[in-house]
Amino acid sequence: MTLFCGAYMPESGLVDSPFVGALTRVAANLTRLPTKAVADASAHLDLYFLLPHGEEIPPFRGMRFHSFDREHMRLRIESSVPAHMLESRHCQAYVLAAIEDALENAAEFFASENIQFDYLGWSSRLRQLARAA
């Protein structure tokens, strides 16, 4: 399984926000953690953080399923980031919690589709990051 984290930023200035910095650090640190060969390499999870700016605010709160591409076994989930979180000192904890929520949702979805998914492996990596933070 692969995990991709990205952000939709309606304004280029958001790239310098504490939230985007935290997301970048978490994603980079996840890639540095040791991994085992995963038998379910065909399952993919893409998590997109939708950042608000001005009048452009995601039309939902929390998290939602966006789509599933059966041909590529890619599940896309979106997370709406509250405006107050963009500058919060709790950005990293928020990012880790959102990834954990997305992994739980993906595990449930993939189980319903009889697709193998390494939830425990990814969850363990997130716990390692949270302890190191």
N, C-alpha and C. Protein backbone atom coordinates (compact mmCIF):
# COMPACT_ATOMS: atom_id res chain seq x y z
N MET A 1 0.83 -1.18 0.00
CA MET A 1 0.00 0.00 0.00
C MET A 1 0.87 1.23 0.00
N THR A 2 0.45 2.20 -0.73
CA THR A 2 1.13 3.48 -0.68
C THR A 2 0.19 4.51 -0.06
N LEU A 3 0.79 5.48 0.60
CA LEU A 3 0.05 6.57 1.20
C LEU A 3 0.60 7.86 0.62
N PHE A 4 -0.29 8.64 0.03
CA PHE A 4 0.08 9.94 -0.51
C PHE A 4 -0.66 11.01 0.26
N CYS A 5 0.04 12.03 0.72
CA CYS A 5 -0.59 13.17 1.39
C CYS A 5 -0.29 14.42 0.58
N GLY A 6 -1.32 15.19 0.32
CA GLY A 6 -1.16 16.42 -0.43
C GLY A 6 -2.07 17.49 0.14
N ALA A 7 -1.93 18.69 -0.38
CA ALA A 7 -2.76 19.80 0.08
C ALA A 7 -3.24 20.60 -1.11
N TYR A 8 -4.50 21.00 -1.04
CA TYR A 8 -5.05 21.94 -2.02
C TYR A 8 -5.00 23.31 -1.37
N MET A 9 -4.23 24.21 -1.98
CA MET A 9 -4.05 25.55 -1.44
C MET A 9 -4.61 26.57 -2.43
N PRO A 10 -5.75 27.18 -2.10
CA PRO A 10 -6.34 28.13 -3.03
C PRO A 10 -5.55 29.43 -3.17
N GLU A 11 -4.51 29.60 -2.36
CA GLU A 11 -3.69 30.82 -2.40
C GLU A 11 -2.24 30.41 -2.16
N SER A 12 -1.34 30.86 -3.01
CA SER A 12 0.06 30.42 -2.94
C SER A 12 0.74 30.81 -1.63
N GLY A 13 0.28 31.84 -0.96
CA GLY A 13 0.87 32.25 0.31
C GLY A 13 0.70 31.22 1.41
N LEU A 14 -0.25 30.30 1.26
CA LEU A 14 -0.47 29.27 2.27
C LEU A 14 0.69 28.29 2.36
N VAL A 15 1.53 28.25 1.34
CA VAL A 15 2.66 27.33 1.35
C VAL A 15 3.60 27.62 2.53
N ASP A 16 3.60 28.85 3.01
CA ASP A 16 4.45 29.25 4.14
C ASP A 16 3.75 29.14 5.49
N SER A 17 2.55 28.60 5.52
CA SER A 17 1.80 28.51 6.77
C SER A 17 2.37 27.39 7.66
N PRO A 18 2.19 27.52 8.97
CA PRO A 18 2.61 26.45 9.87
C PRO A 18 1.96 25.10 9.54
N PHE A 19 0.72 25.14 9.06
CA PHE A 19 0.05 23.89 8.73
C PHE A 19 0.77 23.15 7.60
N VAL A 20 1.08 23.85 6.52
CA VAL A 20 1.76 23.21 5.39
C VAL A 20 3.15 22.74 5.82
N GLY A 21 3.82 23.50 6.68
CA GLY A 21 5.10 23.07 7.21
C GLY A 21 4.97 21.77 7.99
N ALA A 22 3.94 21.68 8.83
CA ALA A 22 3.72 20.46 9.62
C ALA A 22 3.40 19.28 8.71
N LEU A 23 2.56 19.50 7.71
CA LEU A 23 2.21 18.44 6.77
C LEU A 23 3.46 17.95 6.03
N THR A 24 4.29 18.87 5.61
CA THR A 24 5.52 18.50 4.90
C THR A 24 6.45 17.70 5.80
N ARG A 25 6.61 18.13 7.05
CA ARG A 25 7.47 17.39 7.99
C ARG A 25 6.95 15.99 8.26
N VAL A 26 5.65 15.86 8.49
CA VAL A 26 5.07 14.55 8.77
C VAL A 26 5.26 13.63 7.57
N ALA A 27 4.96 14.12 6.38
CA ALA A 27 5.11 13.30 5.17
C ALA A 27 6.56 12.89 4.97
N ALA A 28 7.49 13.82 5.15
CA ALA A 28 8.91 13.50 4.99
C ALA A 28 9.36 12.48 6.04
N ASN A 29 8.91 12.64 7.27
CA ASN A 29 9.29 11.71 8.33
C ASN A 29 8.70 10.32 8.11
N LEU A 30 7.50 10.26 7.55
CA LEU A 30 6.91 8.95 7.24
C LEU A 30 7.76 8.20 6.22
N THR A 31 8.31 8.91 5.26
CA THR A 31 9.12 8.24 4.23
C THR A 31 10.45 7.76 4.80
N ARG A 32 10.89 8.33 5.90
CA ARG A 32 12.17 7.94 6.50
C ARG A 32 12.05 6.73 7.41
N LEU A 33 10.85 6.39 7.84
CA LEU A 33 10.68 5.25 8.74
C LEU A 33 10.90 3.95 7.98
N PRO A 34 11.52 2.98 8.64
CA PRO A 34 11.73 1.69 7.97
C PRO A 34 10.41 1.02 7.63
N THR A 35 10.37 0.38 6.49
CA THR A 35 9.17 -0.33 6.06
C THR A 35 9.52 -1.75 5.69
N LYS A 36 8.53 -2.62 5.80
CA LYS A 36 8.67 -4.00 5.35
C LYS A 36 8.05 -4.08 3.97
N ALA A 37 8.42 -5.12 3.26
CA ALA A 37 7.73 -5.38 1.99
C ALA A 37 6.27 -5.65 2.32
N VAL A 38 5.39 -5.00 1.63
CA VAL A 38 3.96 -5.12 1.92
C VAL A 38 3.30 -5.92 0.82
N ALA A 39 2.59 -6.97 1.22
CA ALA A 39 1.96 -7.87 0.25
C ALA A 39 0.83 -7.18 -0.50
N ASP A 40 0.23 -6.15 0.09
CA ASP A 40 -0.92 -5.50 -0.54
C ASP A 40 -0.51 -4.23 -1.27
N ALA A 41 0.58 -4.31 -2.00
CA ALA A 41 1.12 -3.13 -2.68
C ALA A 41 0.15 -2.54 -3.70
N SER A 42 -0.91 -3.25 -4.02
CA SER A 42 -1.84 -2.73 -5.02
C SER A 42 -2.81 -1.69 -4.45
N ALA A 43 -2.98 -1.64 -3.13
CA ALA A 43 -3.92 -0.69 -2.52
C ALA A 43 -3.22 0.64 -2.27
N HIS A 44 -3.87 1.73 -2.68
CA HIS A 44 -3.29 3.06 -2.52
C HIS A 44 -4.29 3.98 -1.83
N LEU A 45 -3.77 4.84 -0.97
CA LEU A 45 -4.60 5.83 -0.30
C LEU A 45 -4.00 7.21 -0.57
N ASP A 46 -4.82 8.08 -1.12
CA ASP A 46 -4.45 9.49 -1.33
C ASP A 46 -5.28 10.32 -0.37
N LEU A 47 -4.61 11.09 0.48
CA LEU A 47 -5.29 11.97 1.42
C LEU A 47 -4.95 13.40 1.05
N TYR A 48 -5.98 14.17 0.72
CA TYR A 48 -5.80 15.58 0.37
C TYR A 48 -6.37 16.45 1.47
N PHE A 49 -5.55 17.37 1.95
CA PHE A 49 -5.99 18.36 2.92
C PHE A 49 -6.44 19.58 2.14
N LEU A 50 -7.69 19.99 2.33
CA LEU A 50 -8.25 21.15 1.64
C LEU A 50 -8.17 22.35 2.58
N LEU A 51 -7.33 23.31 2.22
CA LEU A 51 -7.10 24.48 3.07
C LEU A 51 -8.05 25.61 2.67
N PRO A 52 -8.58 26.32 3.66
CA PRO A 52 -9.46 27.45 3.36
C PRO A 52 -8.65 28.72 3.13
N HIS A 53 -9.24 29.62 2.36
CA HIS A 53 -8.65 30.95 2.20
C HIS A 53 -9.72 31.91 1.73
N GLY A 54 -9.91 32.97 2.47
CA GLY A 54 -10.91 33.97 2.10
C GLY A 54 -12.29 33.34 1.96
N GLU A 55 -12.88 33.54 0.80
CA GLU A 55 -14.21 32.99 0.53
C GLU A 55 -14.17 31.53 0.08
N GLU A 56 -12.99 31.05 -0.24
CA GLU A 56 -12.86 29.67 -0.72
C GLU A 56 -12.66 28.73 0.48
N ILE A 57 -13.76 28.14 0.88
CA ILE A 57 -13.78 27.25 2.05
C ILE A 57 -14.36 25.92 1.59
N PRO A 58 -13.75 24.80 1.99
CA PRO A 58 -14.31 23.50 1.60
C PRO A 58 -15.79 23.41 2.00
N PRO A 59 -16.61 22.78 1.16
CA PRO A 59 -18.06 22.75 1.41
C PRO A 59 -18.50 21.69 2.42
N PHE A 60 -17.57 21.20 3.24
CA PHE A 60 -17.90 20.18 4.24
C PHE A 60 -16.95 20.36 5.42
N ARG A 61 -17.28 19.73 6.52
CA ARG A 61 -16.41 19.73 7.71
C ARG A 61 -15.94 18.30 7.93
N GLY A 62 -14.73 18.17 8.43
CA GLY A 62 -14.22 16.84 8.74
C GLY A 62 -13.58 16.18 7.53
N MET A 63 -14.01 14.97 7.26
CA MET A 63 -13.39 14.16 6.22
C MET A 63 -14.48 13.54 5.36
N ARG A 64 -14.14 13.30 4.09
CA ARG A 64 -15.10 12.63 3.22
C ARG A 64 -14.35 11.79 2.17
N PHE A 65 -15.06 10.78 1.70
CA PHE A 65 -14.54 9.99 0.59
C PHE A 65 -14.73 10.81 -0.68
N HIS A 66 -13.72 10.87 -1.49
CA HIS A 66 -13.82 11.57 -2.76
C HIS A 66 -14.13 10.59 -3.88
N SER A 67 -13.29 9.57 -4.04
CA SER A 67 -13.50 8.63 -5.14
C SER A 67 -12.66 7.37 -4.92
N PHE A 68 -13.00 6.35 -5.68
CA PHE A 68 -12.20 5.12 -5.69
C PHE A 68 -12.01 4.71 -7.14
N ASP A 69 -10.76 4.58 -7.53
CA ASP A 69 -10.39 4.15 -8.87
C ASP A 69 -10.05 2.66 -8.79
N ARG A 70 -11.00 1.84 -9.18
CA ARG A 70 -10.83 0.39 -9.06
C ARG A 70 -9.69 -0.13 -9.94
N GLU A 71 -9.52 0.45 -11.11
CA GLU A 71 -8.45 0.00 -12.01
C GLU A 71 -7.07 0.15 -11.36
N HIS A 72 -6.86 1.25 -10.66
CA HIS A 72 -5.56 1.51 -10.03
C HIS A 72 -5.58 1.25 -8.52
N MET A 73 -6.74 0.79 -8.01
CA MET A 73 -6.92 0.49 -6.58
C MET A 73 -6.54 1.69 -5.71
N ARG A 74 -6.99 2.87 -6.12
CA ARG A 74 -6.63 4.12 -5.45
C ARG A 74 -7.88 4.74 -4.83
N LEU A 75 -7.83 4.88 -3.51
CA LEU A 75 -8.90 5.53 -2.76
C LEU A 75 -8.46 6.95 -2.44
N ARG A 76 -9.33 7.91 -2.74
CA ARG A 76 -9.02 9.31 -2.45
C ARG A 76 -9.96 9.81 -1.36
N ILE A 77 -9.36 10.35 -0.31
CA ILE A 77 -10.09 10.91 0.82
C ILE A 77 -9.68 12.37 0.96
N GLU A 78 -10.64 13.22 1.32
CA GLU A 78 -10.36 14.64 1.51
C GLU A 78 -10.63 15.02 2.97
N SER A 79 -9.78 15.88 3.49
CA SER A 79 -9.92 16.39 4.84
C SER A 79 -10.02 17.91 4.79
N SER A 80 -11.10 18.45 5.34
CA SER A 80 -11.31 19.89 5.38
C SER A 80 -10.57 20.45 6.60
N VAL A 81 -9.65 21.36 6.36
CA VAL A 81 -8.85 21.95 7.44
C VAL A 81 -9.54 23.22 7.94
N PRO A 82 -9.83 23.29 9.23
CA PRO A 82 -10.44 24.51 9.77
C PRO A 82 -9.47 25.69 9.67
N ALA A 83 -9.99 26.88 9.44
CA ALA A 83 -9.17 28.07 9.26
C ALA A 83 -8.23 28.31 10.45
N HIS A 84 -8.73 28.08 11.65
CA HIS A 84 -7.89 28.35 12.83
C HIS A 84 -6.69 27.41 12.92
N MET A 85 -6.73 26.29 12.21
CA MET A 85 -5.64 25.32 12.28
C MET A 85 -4.45 25.74 11.41
N LEU A 86 -4.64 26.64 10.46
CA LEU A 86 -3.56 27.04 9.57
C LEU A 86 -2.37 27.64 10.32
N GLU A 87 -2.64 28.33 11.42
CA GLU A 87 -1.58 29.00 12.18
C GLU A 87 -1.43 28.41 13.59
N SER A 88 -2.08 27.31 13.85
CA SER A 88 -2.09 26.73 15.20
C SER A 88 -0.76 26.05 15.56
N ARG A 89 -0.44 26.08 16.82
CA ARG A 89 0.75 25.35 17.28
C ARG A 89 0.47 23.85 17.35
N HIS A 90 -0.77 23.46 17.10
CA HIS A 90 -1.16 22.05 17.15
C HIS A 90 -1.27 21.42 15.76
N CYS A 91 -0.69 22.08 14.77
CA CYS A 91 -0.79 21.60 13.38
C CYS A 91 -0.33 20.16 13.22
N GLN A 92 0.83 19.85 13.78
CA GLN A 92 1.37 18.50 13.59
C GLN A 92 0.46 17.44 14.20
N ALA A 93 -0.05 17.70 15.40
CA ALA A 93 -0.97 16.75 16.02
C ALA A 93 -2.23 16.59 15.17
N TYR A 94 -2.71 17.68 14.59
CA TYR A 94 -3.89 17.63 13.73
C TYR A 94 -3.61 16.77 12.49
N VAL A 95 -2.45 16.99 11.86
CA VAL A 95 -2.10 16.23 10.66
C VAL A 95 -2.02 14.74 10.99
N LEU A 96 -1.35 14.39 12.08
CA LEU A 96 -1.23 12.98 12.48
C LEU A 96 -2.60 12.36 12.75
N ALA A 97 -3.46 13.10 13.44
CA ALA A 97 -4.81 12.59 13.74
C ALA A 97 -5.63 12.42 12.47
N ALA A 98 -5.51 13.36 11.54
CA ALA A 98 -6.26 13.25 10.28
C ALA A 98 -5.77 12.06 9.46
N ILE A 99 -4.47 11.83 9.44
CA ILE A 99 -3.95 10.66 8.71
C ILE A 99 -4.45 9.39 9.35
N GLU A 100 -4.45 9.34 10.68
CA GLU A 100 -4.96 8.15 11.38
C GLU A 100 -6.43 7.92 11.04
N ASP A 101 -7.24 8.97 11.05
CA ASP A 101 -8.65 8.85 10.68
C ASP A 101 -8.80 8.34 9.25
N ALA A 102 -8.00 8.88 8.35
CA ALA A 102 -8.07 8.44 6.96
C ALA A 102 -7.68 6.97 6.83
N LEU A 103 -6.67 6.54 7.57
CA LEU A 103 -6.27 5.13 7.54
C LEU A 103 -7.39 4.23 8.06
N GLU A 104 -8.05 4.66 9.13
CA GLU A 104 -9.18 3.88 9.67
C GLU A 104 -10.31 3.79 8.65
N ASN A 105 -10.63 4.92 8.03
CA ASN A 105 -11.69 4.92 7.01
C ASN A 105 -11.31 4.06 5.82
N ALA A 106 -10.05 4.15 5.40
CA ALA A 106 -9.58 3.34 4.27
C ALA A 106 -9.63 1.85 4.61
N ALA A 107 -9.23 1.51 5.83
CA ALA A 107 -9.25 0.10 6.24
C ALA A 107 -10.67 -0.45 6.16
N GLU A 108 -11.62 0.32 6.63
CA GLU A 108 -13.02 -0.10 6.59
C GLU A 108 -13.49 -0.24 5.13
N PHE A 109 -13.15 0.73 4.31
CA PHE A 109 -13.55 0.68 2.91
C PHE A 109 -12.92 -0.52 2.21
N PHE A 110 -11.60 -0.68 2.34
CA PHE A 110 -10.93 -1.79 1.65
C PHE A 110 -11.42 -3.14 2.15
N ALA A 111 -11.73 -3.26 3.44
CA ALA A 111 -12.29 -4.52 3.96
C ALA A 111 -13.62 -4.82 3.30
N SER A 112 -14.45 -3.79 3.10
CA SER A 112 -15.75 -4.01 2.46
C SER A 112 -15.61 -4.43 1.00
N GLU A 113 -14.46 -4.10 0.40
CA GLU A 113 -14.18 -4.46 -1.00
C GLU A 113 -13.28 -5.70 -1.10
N ASN A 114 -12.99 -6.34 0.04
CA ASN A 114 -12.11 -7.52 0.09
C ASN A 114 -10.73 -7.23 -0.51
N ILE A 115 -10.19 -6.07 -0.17
CA ILE A 115 -8.86 -5.67 -0.63
C ILE A 115 -7.95 -5.62 0.59
N GLN A 116 -6.81 -6.29 0.50
CA GLN A 116 -5.85 -6.28 1.60
C GLN A 116 -5.30 -4.87 1.82
N PHE A 117 -5.11 -4.54 3.10
CA PHE A 117 -4.68 -3.19 3.45
C PHE A 117 -3.87 -3.27 4.74
N ASP A 118 -2.70 -2.66 4.78
CA ASP A 118 -1.81 -2.73 5.94
C ASP A 118 -2.10 -1.61 6.94
N TYR A 119 -3.28 -1.62 7.51
CA TYR A 119 -3.65 -0.60 8.48
C TYR A 119 -2.72 -0.62 9.69
N LEU A 120 -2.45 -1.80 10.22
CA LEU A 120 -1.62 -1.89 11.43
C LEU A 120 -0.20 -1.37 11.19
N GLY A 121 0.36 -1.65 10.03
CA GLY A 121 1.69 -1.16 9.71
C GLY A 121 1.75 0.36 9.65
N TRP A 122 0.79 0.96 8.94
CA TRP A 122 0.78 2.43 8.83
C TRP A 122 0.44 3.08 10.16
N SER A 123 -0.47 2.50 10.91
CA SER A 123 -0.84 3.04 12.20
C SER A 123 0.37 3.01 13.15
N SER A 124 1.13 1.95 13.09
CA SER A 124 2.34 1.83 13.90
C SER A 124 3.35 2.91 13.54
N ARG A 125 3.51 3.20 12.27
CA ARG A 125 4.43 4.26 11.84
C ARG A 125 3.97 5.63 12.36
N LEU A 126 2.67 5.85 12.32
CA LEU A 126 2.16 7.14 12.84
C LEU A 126 2.41 7.26 14.33
N ARG A 127 2.23 6.19 15.08
CA ARG A 127 2.49 6.23 16.52
C ARG A 127 3.96 6.53 16.79
N GLN A 128 4.85 5.97 15.97
CA GLN A 128 6.28 6.27 16.11
C GLN A 128 6.53 7.77 15.93
N LEU A 129 5.90 8.34 14.92
CA LEU A 129 6.06 9.79 14.69
C LEU A 129 5.50 10.61 15.84
N ALA A 130 4.35 10.22 16.33
CA ALA A 130 3.71 10.97 17.42
C ALA A 130 4.58 10.93 18.68
N ARG A 131 5.19 9.79 18.95
CA ARG A 131 6.06 9.68 20.14
C ARG A 131 7.31 10.54 19.96
N ALA A 132 7.80 10.66 18.74
CA ALA A 132 9.02 11.43 18.48
C ALA A 132 8.77 12.93 18.48
N ALA A 133 7.50 13.32 18.31
CA ALA A 133 7.16 14.76 18.20
C ALA A 133 7.23 15.46 19.54
